[in-house]
Amino acid sequence: MIINNNNNKWNIVKLTNSIKLPTIKHGKQSIILLSILICFTYFLTQSKSSAVTQGYVADVSIHKSDSPISLNAANDAFNWQPIKEGNFNLGNHRYSLIRIQLDQSVLPSPDGLVLVIARNNIFTDAILLYQHDNVTQEKLLTPSSTDNKLLSIKLTKETIKNPVYISISGRYLRGELFVLTPKEFTDRIKKSSLIDGIYFGIISLFLLFSILSYVFFRQTIFLKYGALLTSIFLWVAAGEGWLKSTFPQIQGVPFFTPNSLGILFFITFAFFSYDYLKLKQKKTKAGSLLKYNQRMLIFIWLCYCVSFERTDPTMYQIAYGLALLNCLIVLAITFIIAVRTLSSKGKQGVFYLCALIVFVIGSVISGLSVANIIDYFVGWTLIKVSSFIEVLILASGLMYGYKVALTSQEDKDKQHSIVQANIISTQKELAESSTIIENNKNSRSLCPQIAKIVALLDKVLYVKAAGNYSEIVYRHGTTTKEQLVDTNLQTIEKALGSEKIIRCHKSYLVKVDTHFILKRRTSADYDLIVEEHLIPIGRKYLKDIRRL
């Protein structure tokens, strides 16, 4: 069983070592990876087409208020604020009116234009207002997507001659405004669907990678990474409306709302980070604090699911703020721990820190946008880009860390095998020597003398006759020593046997496994050179020596 397990480990080591990670040492792979990453990011961000860049709009401005605004009063309002690139954010205001002045000189063909609003989860009515024959006309923008986040209305000839207004309401309503031709609007939807398909396909491949990695390596960290990928997949799918359009029966189920899945993502992120940073082994205060905030997020998530659409909006905002605070604490704790463990975890820590920095930057921009501190609408494009980069970096970090761990384990296994082989070899030699001594002993008085030779056998260079005694020449460190034993060569030869020692001269014995050089002395006589010692060979023993 032990041999099979070692073979299995060796196969895994070879499999892992065959993986080429995009680190600094792999310049070509890094360049290719970076190029793909930049192209994919550019492809994602190019899906944003604002009203200003299309060239059909001369001016766009917004007026915000805490009370309803009529079209007649709007002309007397002096706090019109320009909208940059079609992005709007009501912030803490309840009502708003957007004024759009079209550029009459560049209007397209008679098929007209389509006014589109992409918004967040504030599902209030958006109404188109315009003057026709001195009469105020109202038209409701209709949903163009199953999640009601995309509203549109066609601008007819009577609406494009004068400024048109969009009446919207809802605190913290954020979104983007587009003026497109019908073909451009259709192409935009197709392009957005294609990008979503590519994104979800890549996340699915990484999810498959995590499952296969767990099957091969049997490490729970890959399952936790798979849980993180699943939460990202569901969160973005719910935010983009794909979850609801694919499974209409889950509409109204609190577990599958974007807010619920967003909290669930941070729960799985804390769960994954706790294992990736090996906080269980260290038992630090920061690790305990991370666990505490994870439990708080679980509690908030359960409360959200239980009280969904039953709680007062004020309580909902408080719970939302608490959840956001806990998410920021989770990011702060993991960032501090990652920086502290950077020296011990090496490049694996760098991978995690880079992924965390990307995610923190995306979260900060999203938070500033939600709080109306920056005048920029952060849609799901930013989340998709940041999550894609994060998933890629974390996958590289996982494989790099496991490759280092397996290489270290491989070295330990090799050292253990060498030590174990030496022990087995020594035990075998001792057993053989004991058997030889037991079977060939002549008298009790000879046993201690033979034992002296056996004790020095692995260091012996040769044995030389000294009258009725024998002189053992053996290696002691960097020098040689001699020891006299009270027995003759014939007794030694008989006691140890031809498997261990062999006669090369009537006055000399050498070990069978001794490394020597055969040197010709005369035409018929030879000598053995054992290290710096010259040992003569008797002619009748030459044939036996040559066999060695």
Protein backbone atom coordinates (compact mmCIF):
# COMPACT_ATOMS: atom_id res chain seq x y z
CA MET A 1 0.00 0.00 0.00
CA ILE A 2 2.83 2.41 0.80
CA ILE A 3 4.46 1.88 -2.58
CA ASN A 4 1.20 2.57 -4.44
CA ASN A 5 0.62 5.73 -2.42
CA ASN A 6 4.11 6.99 -3.20
CA ASN A 7 3.61 6.27 -6.88
CA ASN A 8 0.35 8.20 -6.81
CA LYS A 9 2.07 11.17 -5.16
CA TRP A 10 4.87 11.01 -7.72
CA ASN A 11 2.36 11.07 -10.59
CA ILE A 12 0.64 14.10 -9.06
CA VAL A 13 4.00 15.84 -8.67
CA LYS A 14 4.85 15.23 -12.33
CA LEU A 15 1.39 16.48 -13.36
CA THR A 16 1.73 19.64 -11.30
CA ASN A 17 5.31 20.31 -12.39
CA SER A 18 4.16 20.20 -15.99
CA ILE A 19 1.99 23.26 -15.38
CA LYS A 20 3.66 26.47 -16.49
CA LEU A 21 2.43 29.36 -14.38
CA PRO A 22 2.47 32.95 -15.65
CA THR A 23 5.06 34.22 -13.18
CA ILE A 24 7.96 36.56 -13.80
CA LYS A 25 10.14 33.65 -14.89
CA HIS A 26 7.74 32.87 -17.71
CA GLY A 27 7.92 36.05 -19.77
CA LYS A 28 6.21 34.76 -22.92
CA GLN A 29 3.28 33.28 -21.02
CA SER A 30 2.92 36.51 -19.03
CA ILE A 31 2.81 38.64 -22.17
CA ILE A 32 0.24 36.37 -23.83
CA LEU A 33 -1.88 36.28 -20.69
CA LEU A 34 -1.69 40.05 -20.26
CA SER A 35 -2.65 40.60 -23.90
CA ILE A 36 -5.69 38.34 -23.58
CA LEU A 37 -6.63 40.08 -20.36
CA ILE A 38 -6.39 43.57 -21.87
CA CYS A 39 -8.34 42.53 -24.98
CA PHE A 40 -11.10 40.94 -22.90
CA THR A 41 -11.27 43.99 -20.61
CA TYR A 42 -11.43 46.30 -23.62
CA PHE A 43 -14.11 44.12 -25.19
CA LEU A 44 -16.19 44.37 -22.03
CA THR A 45 -15.81 48.11 -21.56
CA GLN A 46 -16.63 48.83 -25.22
CA SER A 47 -20.19 47.66 -24.56
CA LYS A 48 -20.79 51.06 -22.90
CA SER A 49 -22.16 53.56 -25.43
CA SER A 50 -23.25 56.82 -23.91
CA ALA A 51 -25.57 59.48 -25.23
CA VAL A 52 -22.74 61.93 -25.70
CA THR A 53 -20.50 59.58 -27.70
CA GLN A 54 -23.27 58.70 -30.12
CA GLY A 55 -23.44 62.35 -31.29
CA TYR A 56 -27.26 62.60 -31.41
CA VAL A 57 -27.49 64.74 -28.28
CA ALA A 58 -26.55 68.38 -27.97
CA ASP A 59 -27.11 68.75 -24.25
CA VAL A 60 -28.25 66.61 -21.28
CA SER A 61 -28.90 68.02 -17.82
CA ILE A 62 -30.71 66.95 -14.66
CA HIS A 63 -32.72 68.66 -11.93
CA LYS A 64 -33.14 66.90 -8.58
CA SER A 65 -35.73 67.62 -5.91
CA ASP A 66 -37.43 66.13 -2.86
CA SER A 67 -40.88 67.00 -4.21
CA PRO A 68 -42.56 66.14 -7.50
CA ILE A 69 -41.59 68.30 -10.47
CA SER A 70 -44.01 69.38 -13.18
CA LEU A 71 -42.94 70.17 -16.70
CA ASN A 72 -44.12 73.79 -16.41
CA ALA A 73 -42.11 74.36 -13.22
CA ALA A 74 -39.03 72.81 -14.73
CA ASN A 75 -38.43 75.75 -17.04
CA ASP A 76 -38.20 78.04 -14.04
CA ALA A 77 -35.73 75.83 -12.19
CA PHE A 78 -32.18 77.15 -12.07
CA ASN A 79 -30.31 74.18 -10.69
CA TRP A 80 -29.90 72.22 -13.88
CA GLN A 81 -26.72 70.15 -13.68
CA PRO A 82 -25.02 68.74 -16.78
CA ILE A 83 -24.86 64.95 -17.13
CA LYS A 84 -21.55 63.53 -18.21
CA GLU A 85 -21.68 60.57 -20.59
CA GLY A 86 -25.32 59.93 -19.76
CA ASN A 87 -24.71 58.82 -16.15
CA PHE A 88 -27.18 59.93 -13.48
CA ASN A 89 -27.54 59.32 -9.74
CA LEU A 90 -30.42 60.67 -7.65
CA GLY A 91 -28.59 60.10 -4.38
CA ASN A 92 -30.79 61.07 -1.43
CA HIS A 93 -33.29 62.97 -3.64
CA ARG A 94 -36.67 61.41 -4.34
CA TYR A 95 -37.52 63.02 -7.70
CA SER A 96 -35.64 64.12 -10.76
CA LEU A 97 -36.21 65.48 -14.23
CA ILE A 98 -33.74 64.88 -17.05
CA ARG A 99 -33.72 67.34 -19.96
CA ILE A 100 -32.46 66.12 -23.36
CA GLN A 101 -31.79 68.45 -26.26
CA LEU A 102 -31.20 66.54 -29.49
CA ASP A 103 -28.83 67.78 -32.19
CA GLN A 104 -31.14 68.39 -35.17
CA SER A 105 -28.24 68.56 -37.65
CA VAL A 106 -27.10 64.96 -37.17
CA LEU A 107 -30.37 63.11 -36.67
CA PRO A 108 -30.44 59.80 -38.57
CA SER A 109 -32.93 58.32 -41.06
CA PRO A 110 -36.73 58.46 -40.70
CA ASP A 111 -36.84 55.36 -38.55
CA GLY A 112 -36.18 57.73 -35.65
CA LEU A 113 -34.33 57.16 -32.40
CA VAL A 114 -34.76 55.03 -29.30
CA LEU A 115 -34.27 56.51 -25.83
CA VAL A 116 -32.93 53.88 -23.43
CA ILE A 117 -32.38 53.91 -19.66
CA ALA A 118 -30.27 51.23 -17.94
CA ARG A 119 -30.88 51.42 -14.20
CA ASN A 120 -30.19 49.63 -10.93
CA ASN A 121 -32.69 47.78 -8.71
CA ILE A 122 -34.93 50.80 -8.01
CA PHE A 123 -38.00 49.78 -10.04
CA THR A 124 -40.02 52.99 -10.35
CA ASP A 125 -41.76 54.37 -13.43
CA ALA A 126 -39.87 56.47 -15.97
CA ILE A 127 -42.06 58.86 -17.98
CA LEU A 128 -41.23 60.70 -21.20
CA LEU A 129 -42.56 64.31 -21.19
CA TYR A 130 -42.64 66.67 -24.18
CA GLN A 131 -44.64 69.56 -25.60
CA HIS A 132 -46.75 69.07 -28.71
CA ASP A 133 -49.05 71.85 -29.91
CA ASN A 134 -48.59 73.55 -26.52
CA VAL A 135 -49.94 70.45 -24.79
CA THR A 136 -47.82 68.36 -22.41
CA GLN A 137 -47.66 64.76 -23.57
CA GLU A 138 -46.71 61.81 -21.34
CA LYS A 139 -45.50 58.37 -22.40
CA LEU A 140 -44.33 55.56 -20.14
CA LEU A 141 -41.01 53.90 -20.90
CA THR A 142 -41.51 50.16 -21.25
CA PRO A 143 -39.19 47.36 -20.11
CA SER A 144 -36.91 45.89 -22.76
CA SER A 145 -35.53 43.14 -20.53
CA THR A 146 -37.07 40.53 -18.27
CA ASP A 147 -35.44 42.05 -15.16
CA ASN A 148 -37.02 45.50 -15.82
CA LYS A 149 -33.61 47.17 -15.62
CA LEU A 150 -33.61 48.26 -19.25
CA LEU A 151 -36.36 50.73 -20.23
CA SER A 152 -36.86 52.15 -23.70
CA ILE A 153 -39.19 54.27 -25.82
CA LYS A 154 -39.14 55.29 -29.45
CA LEU A 155 -38.74 58.99 -30.17
CA THR A 156 -41.12 59.97 -32.95
CA LYS A 157 -40.81 63.00 -35.22
CA GLU A 158 -43.00 65.07 -32.94
CA THR A 159 -40.73 64.37 -29.95
CA ILE A 160 -37.34 65.06 -31.49
CA LYS A 161 -37.95 68.67 -32.59
CA ASN A 162 -38.04 70.14 -29.07
CA PRO A 163 -36.33 69.25 -25.79
CA VAL A 164 -37.73 66.14 -24.19
CA TYR A 165 -37.82 65.33 -20.47
CA ILE A 166 -37.61 62.12 -18.51
CA SER A 167 -39.34 62.07 -15.12
CA ILE A 168 -37.81 59.53 -12.72
CA SER A 169 -38.13 58.92 -8.99
CA GLY A 170 -36.60 56.84 -6.22
CA ARG A 171 -33.81 57.52 -3.78
CA TYR A 172 -30.44 56.09 -4.80
CA LEU A 173 -31.71 55.44 -8.32
CA ARG A 174 -28.69 55.22 -10.60
CA GLY A 175 -28.34 54.51 -14.26
CA GLU A 176 -27.25 55.45 -17.76
CA LEU A 177 -29.08 57.24 -20.54
CA PHE A 178 -28.68 56.32 -24.21
CA VAL A 179 -30.08 57.72 -27.44
CA LEU A 180 -29.64 55.20 -30.24
CA THR A 181 -31.09 54.17 -33.54
CA PRO A 182 -33.20 50.98 -33.44
CA LYS A 183 -30.40 49.08 -35.16
CA GLU A 184 -27.80 50.35 -32.68
CA PHE A 185 -30.12 49.41 -29.82
CA THR A 186 -30.53 45.88 -31.21
CA ASP A 187 -26.78 45.55 -31.80
CA ARG A 188 -26.12 46.73 -28.25
CA ILE A 189 -28.39 44.05 -26.81
CA LYS A 190 -26.77 41.37 -29.00
CA LYS A 191 -23.27 42.50 -28.06
CA SER A 192 -24.16 42.59 -24.37
CA SER A 193 -25.60 39.06 -24.61
CA LEU A 194 -22.46 37.83 -26.40
CA ILE A 195 -20.18 39.34 -23.75
CA ASP A 196 -22.28 37.82 -20.97
CA GLY A 197 -22.06 34.44 -22.69
CA ILE A 198 -18.26 34.70 -22.92
CA TYR A 199 -18.01 35.79 -19.29
CA PHE A 200 -20.24 33.01 -17.93
CA GLY A 201 -18.44 30.50 -20.14
CA ILE A 202 -15.04 31.48 -18.71
CA ILE A 203 -16.34 31.34 -15.12
CA SER A 204 -17.82 27.90 -15.87
CA LEU A 205 -14.44 26.70 -17.16
CA PHE A 206 -12.75 27.88 -13.97
CA LEU A 207 -15.47 26.13 -11.96
CA LEU A 208 -14.75 22.91 -13.87
CA PHE A 209 -11.04 23.47 -13.19
CA SER A 210 -11.70 23.70 -9.44
CA ILE A 211 -13.73 20.47 -9.45
CA LEU A 212 -11.09 18.56 -11.43
CA SER A 213 -8.36 19.95 -9.19
CA TYR A 214 -10.18 18.61 -6.15
CA VAL A 215 -10.59 15.21 -7.83
CA PHE A 216 -6.86 15.08 -8.64
CA PHE A 217 -5.37 16.64 -5.50
CA ARG A 218 -8.04 16.01 -2.83
CA GLN A 219 -7.56 19.46 -1.28
CA THR A 220 -10.64 21.19 0.20
CA ILE A 221 -9.29 24.61 -0.83
CA PHE A 222 -10.33 23.81 -4.42
CA LEU A 223 -13.90 23.09 -3.28
CA LYS A 224 -13.97 26.44 -1.47
CA TYR A 225 -12.64 28.10 -4.60
CA GLY A 226 -15.46 26.40 -6.53
CA ALA A 227 -17.99 27.77 -4.00
CA LEU A 228 -16.53 31.25 -4.54
CA LEU A 229 -16.88 30.87 -8.32
CA THR A 230 -20.46 29.65 -7.96
CA SER A 231 -21.40 32.65 -5.84
CA ILE A 232 -19.81 35.03 -8.39
CA PHE A 233 -21.63 33.27 -11.22
CA LEU A 234 -25.03 33.48 -9.52
CA TRP A 235 -24.49 37.05 -8.30
CA VAL A 236 -23.69 38.44 -11.75
CA ALA A 237 -26.39 36.28 -13.38
CA ALA A 238 -28.98 37.67 -10.97
CA GLY A 239 -27.74 41.24 -11.40
CA GLU A 240 -27.84 41.02 -15.19
CA GLY A 241 -31.29 39.40 -15.15
CA TRP A 242 -30.22 36.10 -16.67
CA LEU A 243 -31.19 34.12 -13.59
CA LYS A 244 -34.75 35.43 -13.63
CA SER A 245 -35.19 35.05 -17.38
CA THR A 246 -33.81 31.49 -17.35
CA PHE A 247 -35.78 30.41 -14.27
CA PRO A 248 -38.96 32.54 -14.06
CA GLN A 249 -40.24 30.46 -11.15
CA ILE A 250 -37.59 31.94 -8.81
CA GLN A 251 -39.00 35.47 -9.19
CA GLY A 252 -39.79 36.79 -5.74
CA VAL A 253 -37.62 34.18 -4.00
CA PRO A 254 -35.29 36.14 -1.67
CA PHE A 255 -32.40 33.69 -1.94
CA PHE A 256 -31.84 34.56 -5.62
CA THR A 257 -31.97 38.37 -5.52
CA PRO A 258 -28.75 40.28 -6.38
CA ASN A 259 -28.50 41.70 -2.85
CA SER A 260 -28.83 38.25 -1.27
CA LEU A 261 -26.27 36.70 -3.61
CA GLY A 262 -23.92 39.65 -3.10
CA ILE A 263 -23.88 39.00 0.66
CA LEU A 264 -23.45 35.29 -0.04
CA PHE A 265 -20.42 36.09 -2.20
CA PHE A 266 -18.69 37.88 0.68
CA ILE A 267 -19.51 34.97 2.99
CA THR A 268 -17.85 32.49 0.61
CA PHE A 269 -14.96 34.92 0.05
CA ALA A 270 -14.26 35.00 3.81
CA PHE A 271 -14.61 31.22 3.90
CA PHE A 272 -12.11 30.82 1.05
CA SER A 273 -9.65 33.40 2.45
CA TYR A 274 -9.62 31.71 5.86
CA ASP A 275 -8.33 28.51 4.25
CA TYR A 276 -6.10 30.13 1.60
CA LEU A 277 -4.25 32.22 4.23
CA LYS A 278 -4.11 29.17 6.58
CA LEU A 279 -5.59 31.13 9.48
CA LYS A 280 -6.81 27.96 11.21
CA GLN A 281 -3.22 26.91 11.87
CA LYS A 282 -2.12 30.34 13.13
CA LYS A 283 -5.15 31.13 15.36
CA THR A 284 -4.61 34.91 15.30
CA LYS A 285 -6.95 37.65 16.50
CA ALA A 286 -7.40 38.79 12.90
CA GLY A 287 -8.54 35.29 11.95
CA SER A 288 -11.05 35.25 14.82
CA LEU A 289 -12.33 38.69 13.75
CA LEU A 290 -12.74 37.44 10.19
CA LYS A 291 -14.77 34.47 11.46
CA TYR A 292 -16.92 36.80 13.58
CA ASN A 293 -17.73 39.09 10.62
CA GLN A 294 -18.47 36.05 8.48
CA ARG A 295 -21.03 34.89 11.06
CA MET A 296 -22.51 38.41 11.16
CA LEU A 297 -22.93 38.35 7.38
CA ILE A 298 -24.62 34.95 7.62
CA PHE A 299 -27.01 36.36 10.24
CA ILE A 300 -27.79 39.44 8.11
CA TRP A 301 -28.29 37.23 5.06
CA LEU A 302 -30.76 34.99 6.92
CA CYS A 303 -32.64 38.02 8.27
CA TYR A 304 -32.82 39.48 4.76
CA CYS A 305 -34.22 36.26 3.32
CA VAL A 306 -36.78 35.81 6.13
CA SER A 307 -38.00 39.43 6.13
CA PHE A 308 -37.86 39.96 2.36
CA GLU A 309 -40.52 42.53 1.26
CA ARG A 310 -42.00 42.50 4.78
CA THR A 311 -39.76 45.04 6.51
CA ASP A 312 -40.05 48.81 6.71
CA PRO A 313 -37.73 50.53 4.14
CA THR A 314 -35.87 52.28 6.96
CA MET A 315 -34.99 48.97 8.61
CA TYR A 316 -33.99 47.63 5.22
CA GLN A 317 -31.59 50.54 4.72
CA ILE A 318 -30.10 49.96 8.20
CA ALA A 319 -29.58 46.26 7.45
CA TYR A 320 -28.09 47.19 4.06
CA GLY A 321 -25.64 49.56 5.77
CA LEU A 322 -24.65 46.91 8.33
CA ALA A 323 -24.08 44.36 5.58
CA LEU A 324 -21.97 46.85 3.60
CA LEU A 325 -19.94 47.68 6.73
CA ASN A 326 -19.26 44.00 7.44
CA CYS A 327 -18.24 43.43 3.82
CA LEU A 328 -15.74 46.29 4.04
CA ILE A 329 -14.39 44.90 7.34
CA VAL A 330 -13.91 41.49 5.67
CA LEU A 331 -11.92 43.14 2.87
CA ALA A 332 -9.85 45.18 5.35
CA ILE A 333 -9.05 42.16 7.54
CA THR A 334 -8.04 39.94 4.63
CA PHE A 335 -5.91 42.75 3.20
CA ILE A 336 -4.04 43.26 6.50
CA ILE A 337 -3.50 39.51 6.95
CA ALA A 338 -2.29 39.14 3.35
CA VAL A 339 0.26 41.95 3.83
CA ARG A 340 1.48 40.46 7.13
CA THR A 341 1.90 36.96 5.69
CA LEU A 342 3.53 38.16 2.48
CA SER A 343 7.03 37.27 3.66
CA SER A 344 6.06 33.75 4.76
CA LYS A 345 3.79 32.80 1.85
CA GLY A 346 5.99 34.29 -0.88
CA LYS A 347 4.59 34.40 -4.38
CA GLN A 348 1.38 32.65 -3.32
CA GLY A 349 0.70 35.62 -1.03
CA VAL A 350 1.46 38.02 -3.89
CA PHE A 351 -1.19 36.30 -6.05
CA TYR A 352 -3.80 36.68 -3.31
CA LEU A 353 -2.85 40.29 -2.57
CA CYS A 354 -3.07 41.26 -6.26
CA ALA A 355 -6.50 39.65 -6.57
CA LEU A 356 -7.65 41.40 -3.40
CA ILE A 357 -6.39 44.79 -4.60
CA VAL A 358 -8.34 44.39 -7.86
CA PHE A 359 -11.47 43.47 -5.92
CA VAL A 360 -11.01 46.31 -3.39
CA ILE A 361 -10.60 48.88 -6.17
CA GLY A 362 -13.80 47.65 -7.82
CA SER A 363 -15.65 47.67 -4.48
CA VAL A 364 -14.46 51.20 -3.61
CA ILE A 365 -15.54 52.56 -6.99
CA SER A 366 -18.93 50.86 -6.63
CA GLY A 367 -19.34 52.23 -3.10
CA LEU A 368 -18.45 55.77 -4.15
CA SER A 369 -20.89 55.51 -7.05
CA VAL A 370 -23.72 54.26 -4.80
CA ALA A 371 -23.05 57.08 -2.31
CA ASN A 372 -23.11 59.62 -5.19
CA ILE A 373 -19.62 60.79 -4.26
CA ILE A 374 -18.48 60.23 -7.83
CA ASP A 375 -20.69 61.03 -10.79
CA TYR A 376 -20.31 57.65 -12.46
CA PHE A 377 -22.76 54.80 -12.90
CA VAL A 378 -21.08 51.52 -12.03
CA GLY A 379 -22.91 48.73 -13.78
CA TRP A 380 -22.17 45.04 -13.86
CA THR A 381 -19.41 45.58 -16.42
CA LEU A 382 -16.98 46.68 -13.71
CA ILE A 383 -17.95 43.72 -11.51
CA LYS A 384 -17.46 41.32 -14.40
CA VAL A 385 -14.05 42.75 -15.29
CA SER A 386 -12.79 42.79 -11.69
CA SER A 387 -14.17 39.33 -10.89
CA PHE A 388 -12.65 37.87 -14.07
CA ILE A 389 -9.21 39.23 -13.16
CA GLU A 390 -9.65 38.11 -9.54
CA VAL A 391 -10.66 34.58 -10.55
CA LEU A 392 -7.69 34.29 -12.92
CA ILE A 393 -5.15 35.49 -10.34
CA LEU A 394 -6.54 33.28 -7.56
CA ALA A 395 -6.48 30.22 -9.83
CA SER A 396 -2.81 30.89 -10.63
CA GLY A 397 -2.08 31.38 -6.92
CA LEU A 398 -3.76 28.11 -5.98
CA MET A 399 -1.83 26.09 -8.56
CA TYR A 400 1.44 27.79 -7.68
CA GLY A 401 0.95 27.16 -3.96
CA TYR A 402 0.02 23.54 -4.48
CA LYS A 403 2.95 23.03 -6.84
CA VAL A 404 5.35 24.39 -4.20
CA ALA A 405 3.75 22.19 -1.52
CA LEU A 406 4.04 19.07 -3.69
CA THR A 407 7.66 19.82 -4.57
CA SER A 408 8.47 20.21 -0.87
CA GLN A 409 6.63 16.98 -0.08
CA GLU A 410 8.49 15.24 -2.90
CA ASP A 411 11.85 16.25 -1.38
CA LYS A 412 10.75 15.02 2.05
CA ASP A 413 9.57 11.71 0.59
CA LYS A 414 12.90 11.24 -1.21
CA GLN A 415 14.85 11.92 1.98
CA HIS A 416 12.61 9.56 3.89
CA SER A 417 13.09 6.85 1.25
CA ILE A 418 16.88 7.23 1.38
CA VAL A 419 16.94 6.96 5.17
CA GLN A 420 14.54 4.02 5.11
CA ALA A 421 16.67 2.24 2.46
CA ASN A 422 19.81 2.78 4.53
CA ILE A 423 18.12 1.37 7.63
CA ILE A 424 16.89 -1.70 5.74
CA SER A 425 20.35 -2.23 4.20
CA THR A 426 22.05 -1.93 7.60
CA GLN A 427 19.57 -4.30 9.22
CA LYS A 428 20.12 -6.80 6.42
CA GLU A 429 23.88 -6.62 6.75
CA LEU A 430 23.67 -7.09 10.50
CA ALA A 431 21.36 -10.07 10.08
CA GLU A 432 23.65 -11.64 7.48
CA SER A 433 26.72 -11.04 9.60
CA SER A 434 25.04 -12.51 12.67
CA THR A 435 24.07 -15.59 10.66
CA ILE A 436 27.58 -15.99 9.27
CA ILE A 437 29.15 -15.63 12.69
CA GLU A 438 26.68 -18.06 14.20
CA ASN A 439 27.22 -20.67 11.50
CA ASN A 440 31.01 -20.35 11.22
CA LYS A 441 32.20 -19.72 14.73
CA ASN A 442 35.00 -22.05 15.86
CA SER A 443 35.17 -21.20 19.51
CA ARG A 444 33.76 -18.82 22.05
CA SER A 445 37.12 -17.03 22.27
CA LEU A 446 36.98 -16.13 18.55
CA CYS A 447 33.52 -14.49 18.70
CA PRO A 448 34.72 -11.18 20.20
CA GLN A 449 37.51 -10.98 17.64
CA ILE A 450 35.16 -11.62 14.69
CA ALA A 451 32.71 -9.12 16.20
CA LYS A 452 35.42 -6.45 16.07
CA ILE A 453 35.82 -7.07 12.35
CA VAL A 454 32.04 -7.05 11.74
CA ALA A 455 31.71 -3.74 13.59
CA LEU A 456 34.29 -2.18 11.27
CA LEU A 457 33.24 -4.04 8.11
CA ASP A 458 31.70 -1.06 6.29
CA LYS A 459 34.96 0.92 6.84
CA VAL A 460 37.46 -1.87 6.18
CA LEU A 461 39.92 -1.35 3.31
CA TYR A 462 41.78 -4.68 3.66
CA VAL A 463 42.97 -7.22 6.22
CA LYS A 464 46.67 -8.13 6.47
CA ALA A 465 48.24 -11.19 8.11
CA ALA A 466 50.51 -10.46 11.10
CA GLY A 467 51.81 -13.84 12.24
CA ASN A 468 49.06 -15.58 14.21
CA TYR A 469 47.24 -12.27 14.34
CA SER A 470 45.51 -10.17 11.70
CA GLU A 471 45.77 -6.45 11.16
CA ILE A 472 42.60 -4.63 10.05
CA VAL A 473 43.19 -1.47 8.02
CA TYR A 474 40.10 0.73 7.94
CA ARG A 475 39.04 4.25 7.08
CA HIS A 476 38.55 6.63 10.03
CA GLY A 477 37.35 10.01 8.78
CA THR A 478 40.03 11.33 6.45
CA THR A 479 42.77 9.04 7.80
CA THR A 480 43.38 5.30 8.03
CA LYS A 481 43.87 3.27 11.17
CA GLU A 482 44.99 -0.27 12.02
CA GLN A 483 43.57 -2.63 14.61
CA LEU A 484 45.09 -5.95 15.63
CA VAL A 485 42.75 -8.90 16.25
CA ASP A 486 43.67 -12.23 17.83
CA THR A 487 42.74 -14.48 14.90
CA ASN A 488 44.27 -15.49 11.56
CA LEU A 489 43.12 -14.73 8.00
CA GLN A 490 41.72 -18.23 7.42
CA THR A 491 39.38 -17.93 10.38
CA ILE A 492 38.21 -14.49 9.27
CA GLU A 493 37.65 -15.72 5.72
CA LYS A 494 35.66 -18.70 6.97
CA ALA A 495 33.61 -16.64 9.46
CA LEU A 496 32.58 -13.89 7.08
CA GLY A 497 32.21 -15.98 3.94
CA SER A 498 32.98 -15.26 0.30
CA GLU A 499 29.93 -12.99 0.01
CA LYS A 500 31.64 -10.40 2.19
CA ILE A 501 35.39 -10.90 1.86
CA ILE A 502 37.81 -12.51 -0.59
CA ARG A 503 41.48 -13.49 -0.53
CA CYS A 504 43.72 -11.73 -3.05
CA HIS A 505 47.05 -12.93 -1.60
CA LYS A 506 48.16 -15.47 0.95
CA SER A 507 48.65 -12.55 3.37
CA TYR A 508 45.80 -10.24 2.34
CA LEU A 509 42.00 -10.18 2.35
CA VAL A 510 39.86 -7.49 0.70
CA LYS A 511 36.13 -6.78 0.82
CA VAL A 512 34.06 -7.89 -2.15
CA ASP A 513 32.51 -4.43 -2.64
CA THR A 514 35.82 -2.55 -2.32
CA HIS A 515 36.55 -0.01 -5.06
CA PHE A 516 40.02 -0.71 -6.42
CA ILE A 517 42.25 -0.29 -9.44
CA LEU A 518 44.03 -3.28 -10.99
CA LYS A 519 47.62 -2.33 -11.84
CA ARG A 520 50.14 -4.49 -13.76
CA ARG A 521 53.46 -4.86 -11.93
CA THR A 522 55.19 -7.28 -14.31
CA SER A 523 54.05 -9.29 -17.29
CA ALA A 524 52.34 -11.82 -14.98
CA ASP A 525 51.98 -10.01 -11.64
CA TYR A 526 49.40 -7.43 -10.60
CA ASP A 527 48.68 -5.18 -7.64
CA LEU A 528 45.48 -3.75 -6.20
CA ILE A 529 45.36 -0.04 -5.49
CA VAL A 530 42.81 0.59 -2.72
CA GLU A 531 42.80 4.36 -2.23
CA GLU A 532 46.49 5.11 -1.49
CA HIS A 533 47.37 1.51 -0.45
CA LEU A 534 49.18 -0.95 -2.71
CA ILE A 535 48.16 -4.60 -2.16
CA PRO A 536 49.86 -7.48 -4.01
CA ILE A 537 47.80 -10.11 -5.84
CA GLY A 538 48.81 -13.74 -5.82
CA ARG A 539 48.76 -15.37 -9.24
CA LYS A 540 46.29 -18.08 -8.22
CA TYR A 541 43.86 -15.45 -6.87
CA LEU A 542 44.02 -13.18 -9.95
CA LYS A 543 41.15 -14.92 -11.70
CA ASP A 544 38.83 -14.39 -8.72
CA ILE A 545 39.82 -10.74 -8.46
CA ARG A 546 39.13 -10.14 -12.13
CA ARG A 547 35.53 -11.37 -11.63
CA LEU A 548 34.95 -8.52 -9.23
